[in-house]
Amino acid sequence: MKNVDMSVEGTILTIKVDLSKEFGPSSTGKTIIVASTEGNVSIPDRQEKIGLNVYRKK
């Protein structure tokens, strides 16, 4: 994962992303990647999965 921090308290999932970071352009070059789980990943200690992409226009 890039720039994604997840935590679970009870049944509440909290996701933290630092919006000041950048990881370069997307594959098409139209956007700048800010954070990504890089596909679907398991939520810590849970059966659910999450897929997250955060980006901004170039």
N, C-alpha and C. Protein backbone atom coordinates (compact mmCIF):
# COMPACT_ATOMS: atom_id res chain seq x y z
N MET A 1 0.84 -1.18 0.00
CA MET A 1 0.00 0.00 0.00
C MET A 1 0.88 1.24 0.00
N LYS A 2 0.36 2.27 -0.62
CA LYS A 2 1.06 3.55 -0.66
C LYS A 2 0.23 4.60 0.06
N ASN A 3 0.77 5.12 1.18
CA ASN A 3 0.18 6.26 1.86
C ASN A 3 -1.23 5.97 2.39
N VAL A 4 -1.50 4.75 2.81
CA VAL A 4 -2.80 4.38 3.36
C VAL A 4 -2.58 3.72 4.72
N ASP A 5 -3.24 4.25 5.75
CA ASP A 5 -3.17 3.67 7.08
C ASP A 5 -4.59 3.34 7.51
N MET A 6 -4.84 2.07 7.84
CA MET A 6 -6.17 1.63 8.24
C MET A 6 -6.14 1.12 9.67
N SER A 7 -7.23 1.39 10.39
CA SER A 7 -7.38 0.82 11.72
C SER A 7 -8.85 0.52 11.94
N VAL A 8 -9.11 -0.47 12.80
CA VAL A 8 -10.48 -0.88 13.11
C VAL A 8 -10.67 -0.80 14.62
N GLU A 9 -11.73 -0.11 15.03
CA GLU A 9 -12.14 -0.07 16.43
C GLU A 9 -13.58 -0.55 16.48
N GLY A 10 -13.79 -1.73 17.02
CA GLY A 10 -15.14 -2.32 17.02
C GLY A 10 -15.54 -2.62 15.59
N THR A 11 -16.57 -1.96 15.12
CA THR A 11 -17.02 -2.15 13.74
C THR A 11 -16.76 -0.93 12.86
N ILE A 12 -15.92 -0.02 13.33
CA ILE A 12 -15.62 1.21 12.59
C ILE A 12 -14.24 1.12 11.97
N LEU A 13 -14.19 1.26 10.64
CA LEU A 13 -12.93 1.31 9.89
C LEU A 13 -12.53 2.76 9.70
N THR A 14 -11.30 3.09 10.08
CA THR A 14 -10.77 4.44 9.86
C THR A 14 -9.62 4.35 8.88
N ILE A 15 -9.66 5.21 7.86
CA ILE A 15 -8.62 5.24 6.83
C ILE A 15 -7.96 6.61 6.89
N LYS A 16 -6.63 6.63 6.95
CA LYS A 16 -5.88 7.89 6.96
C LYS A 16 -5.01 7.95 5.72
N VAL A 17 -5.06 9.10 5.03
CA VAL A 17 -4.26 9.36 3.84
C VAL A 17 -3.68 10.76 3.98
N ASP A 18 -2.36 10.88 3.77
CA ASP A 18 -1.72 12.19 3.78
C ASP A 18 -1.88 12.80 2.39
N LEU A 19 -2.76 13.80 2.27
CA LEU A 19 -3.06 14.39 0.97
C LEU A 19 -1.94 15.26 0.41
N SER A 20 -0.88 15.48 1.18
CA SER A 20 0.25 16.27 0.68
C SER A 20 1.24 15.43 -0.12
N LYS A 21 1.12 14.11 -0.07
CA LYS A 21 2.07 13.22 -0.76
C LYS A 21 1.64 12.96 -2.19
N GLU A 22 2.63 12.64 -3.02
CA GLU A 22 2.39 12.27 -4.41
C GLU A 22 3.28 11.10 -4.77
N PHE A 23 2.76 10.21 -5.61
CA PHE A 23 3.54 9.04 -6.05
C PHE A 23 3.67 8.99 -7.56
N GLY A 24 3.63 10.14 -8.19
CA GLY A 24 3.83 10.22 -9.63
C GLY A 24 2.54 10.08 -10.41
N PRO A 25 2.66 10.11 -11.73
CA PRO A 25 1.48 10.07 -12.59
C PRO A 25 0.87 8.67 -12.67
N SER A 26 -0.42 8.63 -12.99
CA SER A 26 -1.09 7.36 -13.24
C SER A 26 -0.57 6.77 -14.55
N SER A 27 -1.02 5.58 -14.87
CA SER A 27 -0.54 4.93 -16.10
C SER A 27 -0.95 5.70 -17.35
N THR A 28 -2.08 6.41 -17.30
CA THR A 28 -2.50 7.20 -18.46
C THR A 28 -1.86 8.58 -18.47
N GLY A 29 -1.33 9.01 -17.32
CA GLY A 29 -0.69 10.31 -17.23
C GLY A 29 -1.65 11.47 -17.01
N LYS A 30 -2.93 11.18 -16.84
CA LYS A 30 -3.93 12.24 -16.68
C LYS A 30 -4.07 12.70 -15.22
N THR A 31 -3.64 11.86 -14.27
CA THR A 31 -3.79 12.19 -12.86
C THR A 31 -2.50 11.89 -12.10
N ILE A 32 -2.41 12.45 -10.90
CA ILE A 32 -1.29 12.21 -10.00
C ILE A 32 -1.79 11.32 -8.87
N ILE A 33 -1.10 10.22 -8.59
CA ILE A 33 -1.50 9.30 -7.54
C ILE A 33 -1.11 9.87 -6.18
N VAL A 34 -2.07 9.91 -5.26
CA VAL A 34 -1.85 10.40 -3.90
C VAL A 34 -1.74 9.22 -2.93
N ALA A 35 -2.59 8.21 -3.12
CA ALA A 35 -2.58 7.03 -2.25
C ALA A 35 -3.27 5.88 -2.97
N SER A 36 -2.88 4.65 -2.62
CA SER A 36 -3.50 3.49 -3.22
C SER A 36 -3.26 2.24 -2.38
N THR A 37 -4.26 1.38 -2.35
CA THR A 37 -4.06 0.07 -1.73
C THR A 37 -3.43 -0.88 -2.75
N GLU A 38 -3.30 -0.44 -3.99
CA GLU A 38 -2.71 -1.23 -5.08
C GLU A 38 -3.47 -2.54 -5.27
N GLY A 39 -4.79 -2.41 -5.42
CA GLY A 39 -5.66 -3.57 -5.56
C GLY A 39 -6.47 -3.76 -4.29
N ASN A 40 -7.18 -4.86 -4.24
CA ASN A 40 -8.01 -5.15 -3.06
C ASN A 40 -7.17 -5.81 -1.98
N VAL A 41 -7.30 -5.32 -0.75
CA VAL A 41 -6.54 -5.86 0.38
C VAL A 41 -7.50 -6.15 1.54
N SER A 42 -7.11 -7.06 2.40
CA SER A 42 -7.91 -7.39 3.57
C SER A 42 -7.83 -6.28 4.61
N ILE A 43 -8.95 -6.04 5.26
CA ILE A 43 -8.98 -5.11 6.38
C ILE A 43 -8.41 -5.85 7.58
N PRO A 44 -7.55 -5.22 8.38
CA PRO A 44 -6.90 -5.92 9.49
C PRO A 44 -7.89 -6.63 10.41
N ASP A 45 -7.66 -7.92 10.62
CA ASP A 45 -8.45 -8.75 11.54
C ASP A 45 -9.93 -8.85 11.17
N ARG A 46 -10.24 -8.70 9.87
CA ARG A 46 -11.62 -8.78 9.40
C ARG A 46 -11.69 -9.63 8.13
N GLN A 47 -12.89 -10.02 7.72
CA GLN A 47 -13.08 -10.77 6.49
C GLN A 47 -13.27 -9.85 5.29
N GLU A 48 -13.65 -8.60 5.52
CA GLU A 48 -13.89 -7.66 4.43
C GLU A 48 -12.59 -7.26 3.74
N LYS A 49 -12.75 -6.81 2.51
CA LYS A 49 -11.61 -6.29 1.74
C LYS A 49 -11.92 -4.88 1.28
N ILE A 50 -10.88 -4.14 0.93
CA ILE A 50 -11.05 -2.76 0.47
C ILE A 50 -10.11 -2.52 -0.71
N GLY A 51 -10.57 -1.72 -1.66
CA GLY A 51 -9.75 -1.24 -2.76
C GLY A 51 -9.88 0.27 -2.80
N LEU A 52 -8.76 0.98 -2.68
CA LEU A 52 -8.81 2.44 -2.56
C LEU A 52 -7.79 3.08 -3.49
N ASN A 53 -8.22 4.11 -4.21
CA ASN A 53 -7.33 4.94 -5.01
C ASN A 53 -7.69 6.41 -4.74
N VAL A 54 -6.69 7.20 -4.40
CA VAL A 54 -6.88 8.64 -4.21
C VAL A 54 -5.96 9.32 -5.21
N TYR A 55 -6.53 10.24 -6.01
CA TYR A 55 -5.74 10.91 -7.05
C TYR A 55 -6.26 12.31 -7.28
N ARG A 56 -5.46 13.12 -7.96
CA ARG A 56 -5.89 14.47 -8.33
C ARG A 56 -5.55 14.70 -9.79
N LYS A 57 -6.27 15.63 -10.40
CA LYS A 57 -5.99 15.98 -11.80
C LYS A 57 -4.62 16.58 -11.92
N LYS A 58 -3.98 16.31 -13.01
CA LYS A 58 -2.63 16.81 -13.27
C LYS A 58 -2.65 18.29 -13.57
